[in-house]
Amino acid sequence: GKFEFDNFTLVLGLEDYNAVLNFKRSLSNNN
């Protein structure tokens, strides 16, 4: 809870809506 998701996706270069959505889903995985 220390880093905002919007800033996180910008730092990683995720600009495409689908890429952001897939990344958010992957974060919720226990892996």
PDB file of all heavy atoms in Angstrom:
ATOM      1  N   GLY A   1       0.785  -1.217   0.000  1.00  0.00           N
ATOM      2  CA  GLY A   1       0.000   0.000   0.000  1.00  0.00           C
ATOM      3  C   GLY A   1       0.823   1.275   0.000  1.00  0.00           C
ATOM      4  O   GLY A   1       0.328   2.343   0.340  1.00  0.00           O
ATOM      5  N   LYS A   2       2.078   1.177  -0.395  1.00  0.00           N
ATOM      6  CA  LYS A   2       2.986   2.329  -0.356  1.00  0.00           C
ATOM      7  C   LYS A   2       3.211   2.970  -1.731  1.00  0.00           C
ATOM      8  O   LYS A   2       3.828   4.021  -1.824  1.00  0.00           O
ATOM      9  CB  LYS A   2       4.358   1.917   0.203  1.00  0.00           C
ATOM     10  CG  LYS A   2       4.314   1.178   1.510  1.00  0.00           C
ATOM     11  CD  LYS A   2       3.750   2.028   2.627  1.00  0.00           C
ATOM     12  CE  LYS A   2       3.762   1.259   3.941  1.00  0.00           C
ATOM     13  NZ  LYS A   2       3.216   2.005   5.046  1.00  0.00           N
ATOM     14  N   PHE A   3       2.751   2.328  -2.789  1.00  0.00           N
ATOM     15  CA  PHE A   3       3.027   2.797  -4.145  1.00  0.00           C
ATOM     16  C   PHE A   3       1.729   2.780  -4.930  1.00  0.00           C
ATOM     17  O   PHE A   3       1.043   1.751  -4.986  1.00  0.00           O
ATOM     18  CB  PHE A   3       4.062   1.853  -4.785  1.00  0.00           C
ATOM     19  CG  PHE A   3       4.816   2.433  -5.937  1.00  0.00           C
ATOM     20  CD1 PHE A   3       5.695   3.482  -5.757  1.00  0.00           C
ATOM     21  CD2 PHE A   3       4.654   1.921  -7.208  1.00  0.00           C
ATOM     22  CE1 PHE A   3       6.409   4.003  -6.827  1.00  0.00           C
ATOM     23  CE2 PHE A   3       5.356   2.437  -8.284  1.00  0.00           C
ATOM     24  CZ  PHE A   3       6.239   3.484  -8.086  1.00  0.00           C
ATOM     25  N   GLU A   4       1.339   3.895  -5.514  1.00  0.00           N
ATOM     26  CA  GLU A   4       0.086   3.981  -6.254  1.00  0.00           C
ATOM     27  C   GLU A   4       0.158   3.202  -7.564  1.00  0.00           C
ATOM     28  O   GLU A   4       1.182   3.211  -8.248  1.00  0.00           O
ATOM     29  CB  GLU A   4      -0.258   5.436  -6.553  1.00  0.00           C
ATOM     30  CG  GLU A   4      -0.634   6.226  -5.334  1.00  0.00           C
ATOM     31  CD  GLU A   4      -0.994   7.660  -5.668  1.00  0.00           C
ATOM     32  OE1 GLU A   4      -0.866   8.068  -6.841  1.00  0.00           O
ATOM     33  OE2 GLU A   4      -1.415   8.371  -4.746  1.00  0.00           O
ATOM     34  N   PHE A   5      -0.942   2.570  -7.925  1.00  0.00           N
ATOM     35  CA  PHE A   5      -0.975   1.744  -9.122  1.00  0.00           C
ATOM     36  C   PHE A   5      -0.717   2.554 -10.392  1.00  0.00           C
ATOM     37  O   PHE A   5       0.003   2.106 -11.285  1.00  0.00           O
ATOM     38  CB  PHE A   5      -2.314   1.002  -9.230  1.00  0.00           C
ATOM     39  CG  PHE A   5      -2.351   0.018 -10.359  1.00  0.00           C
ATOM     40  CD1 PHE A   5      -1.673  -1.179 -10.267  1.00  0.00           C
ATOM     41  CD2 PHE A   5      -3.055   0.298 -11.516  1.00  0.00           C
ATOM     42  CE1 PHE A   5      -1.686  -2.094 -11.311  1.00  0.00           C
ATOM     43  CE2 PHE A   5      -3.074  -0.609 -12.569  1.00  0.00           C
ATOM     44  CZ  PHE A   5      -2.386  -1.804 -12.461  1.00  0.00           C
ATOM     45  N   ASP A   6      -1.277   3.746 -10.487  1.00  0.00           N
ATOM     46  CA  ASP A   6      -1.084   4.570 -11.687  1.00  0.00           C
ATOM     47  C   ASP A   6       0.386   4.920 -11.899  1.00  0.00           C
ATOM     48  O   ASP A   6       0.893   4.846 -13.014  1.00  0.00           O
ATOM     49  CB  ASP A   6      -1.913   5.850 -11.611  1.00  0.00           C
ATOM     50  CG  ASP A   6      -3.405   5.593 -11.738  1.00  0.00           C
ATOM     51  OD1 ASP A   6      -3.769   4.497 -12.230  1.00  0.00           O
ATOM     52  OD2 ASP A   6      -4.201   6.468 -11.361  1.00  0.00           O
ATOM     53  N   ASN A   7       1.070   5.306 -10.829  1.00  0.00           N
ATOM     54  CA  ASN A   7       2.494   5.617 -10.929  1.00  0.00           C
ATOM     55  C   ASN A   7       3.285   4.352 -11.285  1.00  0.00           C
ATOM     56  O   ASN A   7       4.229   4.392 -12.082  1.00  0.00           O
ATOM     57  CB  ASN A   7       2.987   6.220  -9.621  1.00  0.00           C
ATOM     58  CG  ASN A   7       4.383   6.796  -9.691  1.00  0.00           C
ATOM     59  OD1 ASN A   7       5.046   6.929  -8.676  1.00  0.00           O
ATOM     60  ND2 ASN A   7       4.858   7.155 -10.866  1.00  0.00           N
ATOM     61  N   PHE A   8       2.869   3.234 -10.722  1.00  0.00           N
ATOM     62  CA  PHE A   8       3.520   1.948 -10.977  1.00  0.00           C
ATOM     63  C   PHE A   8       3.458   1.585 -12.465  1.00  0.00           C
ATOM     64  O   PHE A   8       4.464   1.233 -13.074  1.00  0.00           O
ATOM     65  CB  PHE A   8       2.819   0.896 -10.124  1.00  0.00           C
ATOM     66  CG  PHE A   8       3.507  -0.441 -10.054  1.00  0.00           C
ATOM     67  CD1 PHE A   8       4.845  -0.595 -10.335  1.00  0.00           C
ATOM     68  CD2 PHE A   8       2.790  -1.558  -9.681  1.00  0.00           C
ATOM     69  CE1 PHE A   8       5.463  -1.834 -10.254  1.00  0.00           C
ATOM     70  CE2 PHE A   8       3.396  -2.797  -9.595  1.00  0.00           C
ATOM     71  CZ  PHE A   8       4.730  -2.930  -9.882  1.00  0.00           C
ATOM     72  N   THR A   9       2.277   1.703 -13.064  1.00  0.00           N
ATOM     73  CA  THR A   9       2.143   1.333 -14.482  1.00  0.00           C
ATOM     74  C   THR A   9       2.922   2.290 -15.381  1.00  0.00           C
ATOM     75  O   THR A   9       3.467   1.873 -16.400  1.00  0.00           O
ATOM     76  CB  THR A   9       0.660   1.300 -14.912  1.00  0.00           C
ATOM     77  OG1 THR A   9       0.051   2.558 -14.652  1.00  0.00           O
ATOM     78  CG2 THR A   9      -0.091   0.190 -14.200  1.00  0.00           C
ATOM     79  N   LEU A  10       2.995   3.564 -15.004  1.00  0.00           N
ATOM     80  CA  LEU A  10       3.798   4.510 -15.782  1.00  0.00           C
ATOM     81  C   LEU A  10       5.285   4.173 -15.725  1.00  0.00           C
ATOM     82  O   LEU A  10       5.977   4.202 -16.742  1.00  0.00           O
ATOM     83  CB  LEU A  10       3.569   5.940 -15.283  1.00  0.00           C
ATOM     84  CG  LEU A  10       2.226   6.560 -15.616  1.00  0.00           C
ATOM     85  CD1 LEU A  10       2.083   7.915 -14.938  1.00  0.00           C
ATOM     86  CD2 LEU A  10       2.041   6.686 -17.114  1.00  0.00           C
ATOM     87  N   VAL A  11       5.772   3.846 -14.540  1.00  0.00           N
ATOM     88  CA  VAL A  11       7.186   3.484 -14.384  1.00  0.00           C
ATOM     89  C   VAL A  11       7.517   2.248 -15.215  1.00  0.00           C
ATOM     90  O   VAL A  11       8.579   2.170 -15.835  1.00  0.00           O
ATOM     91  CB  VAL A  11       7.538   3.252 -12.894  1.00  0.00           C
ATOM     92  CG1 VAL A  11       8.912   2.613 -12.738  1.00  0.00           C
ATOM     93  CG2 VAL A  11       7.478   4.562 -12.123  1.00  0.00           C
ATOM     94  N   LEU A  12       6.593   1.299 -15.272  1.00  0.00           N
ATOM     95  CA  LEU A  12       6.829   0.075 -16.036  1.00  0.00           C
ATOM     96  C   LEU A  12       6.557   0.250 -17.526  1.00  0.00           C
ATOM     97  O   LEU A  12       6.818  -0.649 -18.320  1.00  0.00           O
ATOM     98  CB  LEU A  12       5.970  -1.066 -15.487  1.00  0.00           C
ATOM     99  CG  LEU A  12       6.310  -1.517 -14.068  1.00  0.00           C
ATOM    100  CD1 LEU A  12       5.390  -2.648 -13.642  1.00  0.00           C
ATOM    101  CD2 LEU A  12       7.759  -1.933 -13.950  1.00  0.00           C
ATOM    102  N   GLY A  13       6.020   1.393 -17.917  1.00  0.00           N
ATOM    103  CA  GLY A  13       5.775   1.658 -19.329  1.00  0.00           C
ATOM    104  C   GLY A  13       4.520   1.005 -19.865  1.00  0.00           C
ATOM    105  O   GLY A  13       4.389   0.812 -21.071  1.00  0.00           O
ATOM    106  N   LEU A  14       3.585   0.694 -18.987  1.00  0.00           N
ATOM    107  CA  LEU A  14       2.324   0.072 -19.423  1.00  0.00           C
ATOM    108  C   LEU A  14       1.327   1.172 -19.755  1.00  0.00           C
ATOM    109  O   LEU A  14       0.814   1.852 -18.874  1.00  0.00           O
ATOM    110  CB  LEU A  14       1.760  -0.828 -18.319  1.00  0.00           C
ATOM    111  CG  LEU A  14       2.660  -1.974 -17.872  1.00  0.00           C
ATOM    112  CD1 LEU A  14       2.042  -2.704 -16.693  1.00  0.00           C
ATOM    113  CD2 LEU A  14       2.911  -2.928 -19.020  1.00  0.00           C
ATOM    114  N   GLU A  15       1.066   1.358 -21.038  1.00  0.00           N
ATOM    115  CA  GLU A  15       0.159   2.421 -21.465  1.00  0.00           C
ATOM    116  C   GLU A  15      -1.124   1.883 -22.083  1.00  0.00           C
ATOM    117  O   GLU A  15      -2.156   2.525 -22.030  1.00  0.00           O
ATOM    118  CB  GLU A  15       0.875   3.335 -22.456  1.00  0.00           C
ATOM    119  CG  GLU A  15       2.063   4.033 -21.835  1.00  0.00           C
ATOM    120  CD  GLU A  15       2.863   4.841 -22.836  1.00  0.00           C
ATOM    121  OE1 GLU A  15       2.496   4.855 -24.032  1.00  0.00           O
ATOM    122  OE2 GLU A  15       3.854   5.445 -22.428  1.00  0.00           O
ATOM    123  N   ASP A  16      -1.060   0.699 -22.654  1.00  0.00           N
ATOM    124  CA  ASP A  16      -2.216   0.082 -23.282  1.00  0.00           C
ATOM    125  C   ASP A  16      -3.189  -0.406 -22.208  1.00  0.00           C
ATOM    126  O   ASP A  16      -2.784  -1.028 -21.223  1.00  0.00           O
ATOM    127  CB  ASP A  16      -1.755  -1.090 -24.159  1.00  0.00           C
ATOM    128  CG  ASP A  16      -2.907  -1.811 -24.796  1.00  0.00           C
ATOM    129  OD1 ASP A  16      -3.633  -1.189 -25.581  1.00  0.00           O
ATOM    130  OD2 ASP A  16      -3.084  -3.018 -24.482  1.00  0.00           O
ATOM    131  N   TYR A  17      -4.459  -0.119 -22.383  1.00  0.00           N
ATOM    132  CA  TYR A  17      -5.472  -0.483 -21.393  1.00  0.00           C
ATOM    133  C   TYR A  17      -5.454  -1.977 -21.085  1.00  0.00           C
ATOM    134  O   TYR A  17      -5.508  -2.379 -19.919  1.00  0.00           O
ATOM    135  CB  TYR A  17      -6.860  -0.055 -21.883  1.00  0.00           C
ATOM    136  CG  TYR A  17      -7.976  -0.446 -20.944  1.00  0.00           C
ATOM    137  CD1 TYR A  17      -8.184   0.252 -19.772  1.00  0.00           C
ATOM    138  CD2 TYR A  17      -8.798  -1.536 -21.235  1.00  0.00           C
ATOM    139  CE1 TYR A  17      -9.197  -0.113 -18.895  1.00  0.00           C
ATOM    140  CE2 TYR A  17      -9.808  -1.903 -20.373  1.00  0.00           C
ATOM    141  CZ  TYR A  17     -10.011  -1.188 -19.200  1.00  0.00           C
ATOM    142  OH  TYR A  17     -11.002  -1.556 -18.333  1.00  0.00           O
ATOM    143  N   ASN A  18      -5.387  -2.819 -22.123  1.00  0.00           N
ATOM    144  CA  ASN A  18      -5.379  -4.267 -21.909  1.00  0.00           C
ATOM    145  C   ASN A  18      -4.128  -4.722 -21.157  1.00  0.00           C
ATOM    146  O   ASN A  18      -4.191  -5.613 -20.309  1.00  0.00           O
ATOM    147  CB  ASN A  18      -5.495  -5.010 -23.242  1.00  0.00           C
ATOM    148  CG  ASN A  18      -6.886  -4.879 -23.833  1.00  0.00           C
ATOM    149  OD1 ASN A  18      -7.868  -4.779 -23.110  1.00  0.00           O
ATOM    150  ND2 ASN A  18      -6.964  -4.843 -25.147  1.00  0.00           N
ATOM    151  N   ALA A  19      -2.985  -4.108 -21.451  1.00  0.00           N
ATOM    152  CA  ALA A  19      -1.747  -4.454 -20.748  1.00  0.00           C
ATOM    153  C   ALA A  19      -1.860  -4.099 -19.263  1.00  0.00           C
ATOM    154  O   ALA A  19      -1.437  -4.871 -18.399  1.00  0.00           O
ATOM    155  CB  ALA A  19      -0.555  -3.748 -21.381  1.00  0.00           C
ATOM    156  N   VAL A  20      -2.447  -2.962 -18.975  1.00  0.00           N
ATOM    157  CA  VAL A  20      -2.630  -2.538 -17.582  1.00  0.00           C
ATOM    158  C   VAL A  20      -3.577  -3.489 -16.867  1.00  0.00           C
ATOM    159  O   VAL A  20      -3.325  -3.917 -15.736  1.00  0.00           O
ATOM    160  CB  VAL A  20      -3.151  -1.084 -17.512  1.00  0.00           C
ATOM    161  CG1 VAL A  20      -3.562  -0.711 -16.090  1.00  0.00           C
ATOM    162  CG2 VAL A  20      -2.101  -0.119 -18.034  1.00  0.00           C
ATOM    163  N   LEU A  21      -4.669  -3.853 -17.543  1.00  0.00           N
ATOM    164  CA  LEU A  21      -5.647  -4.767 -16.958  1.00  0.00           C
ATOM    165  C   LEU A  21      -5.030  -6.141 -16.683  1.00  0.00           C
ATOM    166  O   LEU A  21      -5.224  -6.707 -15.597  1.00  0.00           O
ATOM    167  CB  LEU A  21      -6.846  -4.905 -17.911  1.00  0.00           C
ATOM    168  CG  LEU A  21      -8.206  -5.149 -17.297  1.00  0.00           C
ATOM    169  CD1 LEU A  21      -8.556  -4.048 -16.319  1.00  0.00           C
ATOM    170  CD2 LEU A  21      -9.242  -5.222 -18.392  1.00  0.00           C
ATOM    171  N   ASN A  22      -4.292  -6.666 -17.643  1.00  0.00           N
ATOM    172  CA  ASN A  22      -3.629  -7.969 -17.457  1.00  0.00           C
ATOM    173  C   ASN A  22      -2.612  -7.908 -16.328  1.00  0.00           C
ATOM    174  O   ASN A  22      -2.493  -8.852 -15.540  1.00  0.00           O
ATOM    175  CB  ASN A  22      -2.965  -8.425 -18.755  1.00  0.00           C
ATOM    176  CG  ASN A  22      -3.974  -8.851 -19.788  1.00  0.00           C
ATOM    177  OD1 ASN A  22      -5.085  -9.259 -19.454  1.00  0.00           O
ATOM    178  ND2 ASN A  22      -3.602  -8.747 -21.054  1.00  0.00           N
ATOM    179  N   PHE A  23      -1.880  -6.818 -16.245  1.00  0.00           N
ATOM    180  CA  PHE A  23      -0.888  -6.679 -15.179  1.00  0.00           C
ATOM    181  C   PHE A  23      -1.574  -6.622 -13.817  1.00  0.00           C
ATOM    182  O   PHE A  23      -1.126  -7.255 -12.865  1.00  0.00           O
ATOM    183  CB  PHE A  23      -0.033  -5.428 -15.406  1.00  0.00           C
ATOM    184  CG  PHE A  23       1.014  -5.248 -14.356  1.00  0.00           C
ATOM    185  CD1 PHE A  23       2.075  -6.138 -14.251  1.00  0.00           C
ATOM    186  CD2 PHE A  23       0.943  -4.194 -13.471  1.00  0.00           C
ATOM    187  CE1 PHE A  23       3.037  -5.979 -13.280  1.00  0.00           C
ATOM    188  CE2 PHE A  23       1.907  -4.031 -12.497  1.00  0.00           C
ATOM    189  CZ  PHE A  23       2.956  -4.925 -12.400  1.00  0.00           C
ATOM    190  N   LYS A  24      -2.670  -5.902 -13.730  1.00  0.00           N
ATOM    191  CA  LYS A  24      -3.404  -5.809 -12.464  1.00  0.00           C
ATOM    192  C   LYS A  24      -3.920  -7.185 -12.044  1.00  0.00           C
ATOM    193  O   LYS A  24      -3.858  -7.544 -10.867  1.00  0.00           O
ATOM    194  CB  LYS A  24      -4.554  -4.817 -12.588  1.00  0.00           C
ATOM    195  CG  LYS A  24      -5.165  -4.440 -11.270  1.00  0.00           C
ATOM    196  CD  LYS A  24      -6.054  -3.235 -11.398  1.00  0.00           C
ATOM    197  CE  LYS A  24      -6.404  -2.721 -10.022  1.00  0.00           C
ATOM    198  NZ  LYS A  24      -7.093  -1.446 -10.075  1.00  0.00           N
ATOM    199  N   ARG A  25      -4.402  -7.959 -13.010  1.00  0.00           N
ATOM    200  CA  ARG A  25      -4.857  -9.323 -12.704  1.00  0.00           C
ATOM    201  C   ARG A  25      -3.698 -10.192 -12.213  1.00  0.00           C
ATOM    202  O   ARG A  25      -3.854 -10.984 -11.292  1.00  0.00           O
ATOM    203  CB  ARG A  25      -5.493  -9.955 -13.932  1.00  0.00           C
ATOM    204  CG  ARG A  25      -6.892  -9.494 -14.188  1.00  0.00           C
ATOM    205  CD  ARG A  25      -7.559 -10.317 -15.287  1.00  0.00           C
ATOM    206  NE  ARG A  25      -8.605  -9.510 -15.879  1.00  0.00           N
ATOM    207  CZ  ARG A  25      -8.696  -9.204 -17.163  1.00  0.00           C
ATOM    208  NH1 ARG A  25      -7.821  -9.672 -18.026  1.00  0.00           N
ATOM    209  NH2 ARG A  25      -9.671  -8.447 -17.597  1.00  0.00           N
ATOM    210  N   SER A  26      -2.543 -10.039 -12.846  1.00  0.00           N
ATOM    211  CA  SER A  26      -1.385 -10.854 -12.450  1.00  0.00           C
ATOM    212  C   SER A  26      -0.923 -10.519 -11.038  1.00  0.00           C
ATOM    213  O   SER A  26      -0.395 -11.380 -10.335  1.00  0.00           O
ATOM    214  CB  SER A  26      -0.235 -10.677 -13.441  1.00  0.00           C
ATOM    215  OG  SER A  26       0.404  -9.425 -13.268  1.00  0.00           O
ATOM    216  N   LEU A  27      -1.123  -9.271 -10.595  1.00  0.00           N
ATOM    217  CA  LEU A  27      -0.740  -8.891  -9.248  1.00  0.00           C
ATOM    218  C   LEU A  27      -1.622  -9.560  -8.200  1.00  0.00           C
ATOM    219  O   LEU A  27      -1.170  -9.803  -7.077  1.00  0.00           O
ATOM    220  CB  LEU A  27      -0.820  -7.371  -9.066  1.00  0.00           C
ATOM    221  CG  LEU A  27       0.256  -6.559  -9.752  1.00  0.00           C
ATOM    222  CD1 LEU A  27      -0.018  -5.069  -9.572  1.00  0.00           C
ATOM    223  CD2 LEU A  27       1.626  -6.908  -9.214  1.00  0.00           C
ATOM    224  N   SER A  28      -2.854  -9.839  -8.554  1.00  0.00           N
ATOM    225  CA  SER A  28      -3.761 -10.465  -7.606  1.00  0.00           C
ATOM    226  C   SER A  28      -3.528 -11.968  -7.476  1.00  0.00           C
ATOM    227  O   SER A  28      -4.002 -12.594  -6.529  1.00  0.00           O
ATOM    228  CB  SER A  28      -5.218 -10.191  -7.980  1.00  0.00           C
ATOM    229  OG  SER A  28      -5.501 -10.772  -9.229  1.00  0.00           O
ATOM    230  N   ASN A  29      -2.766 -12.540  -8.426  1.00  0.00           N
ATOM    231  CA  ASN A  29      -2.416 -13.961  -8.335  1.00  0.00           C
ATOM    232  C   ASN A  29      -1.468 -14.178  -7.176  1.00  0.00           C
ATOM    233  O   ASN A  29      -0.674 -13.329  -6.830  1.00  0.00           O
ATOM    234  CB  ASN A  29      -1.758 -14.460  -9.625  1.00  0.00           C
ATOM    235  CG  ASN A  29      -2.726 -14.488 -10.781  1.00  0.00           C
ATOM    236  OD1 ASN A  29      -3.941 -14.431 -10.594  1.00  0.00           O
ATOM    237  ND2 ASN A  29      -2.198 -14.569 -11.985  1.00  0.00           N
ATOM    238  N   ASN A  30      -1.522 -15.333  -6.597  1.00  0.00           N
ATOM    239  CA  ASN A  30      -0.649 -15.654  -5.464  1.00  0.00           C
ATOM    240  C   ASN A  30       0.788 -15.927  -5.906  1.00  0.00           C
ATOM    241  O   ASN A  30       1.666 -16.080  -5.070  1.00  0.00           O
ATOM    242  CB  ASN A  30      -1.177 -16.864  -4.691  1.00  0.00           C
ATOM    243  CG  ASN A  30      -2.456 -16.517  -3.955  1.00  0.00           C
ATOM    244  OD1 ASN A  30      -2.649 -15.359  -3.579  1.00  0.00           O
ATOM    245  ND2 ASN A  30      -3.309 -17.498  -3.748  1.00  0.00           N
ATOM    246  N   ASN A  31       1.049 -16.008  -7.211  1.00  0.00           N
ATOM    247  CA  ASN A  31       2.391 -16.294  -7.696  1.00  0.00           C
ATOM    248  C   ASN A  31       3.363 -15.167  -7.430  1.00  0.00           C
ATOM    249  O   ASN A  31       4.568 -15.373  -7.447  1.00  0.00           O
ATOM    250  CB  ASN A  31       2.344 -16.557  -9.212  1.00  0.00           C
ATOM    251  CG  ASN A  31       1.494 -17.763  -9.547  1.00  0.00           C
ATOM    252  OD1 ASN A  31       1.222 -18.601  -8.700  1.00  0.00           O
ATOM    253  ND2 ASN A  31       1.064 -17.841 -10.789  1.00  0.00           N
TER     254      ASN A  31
END
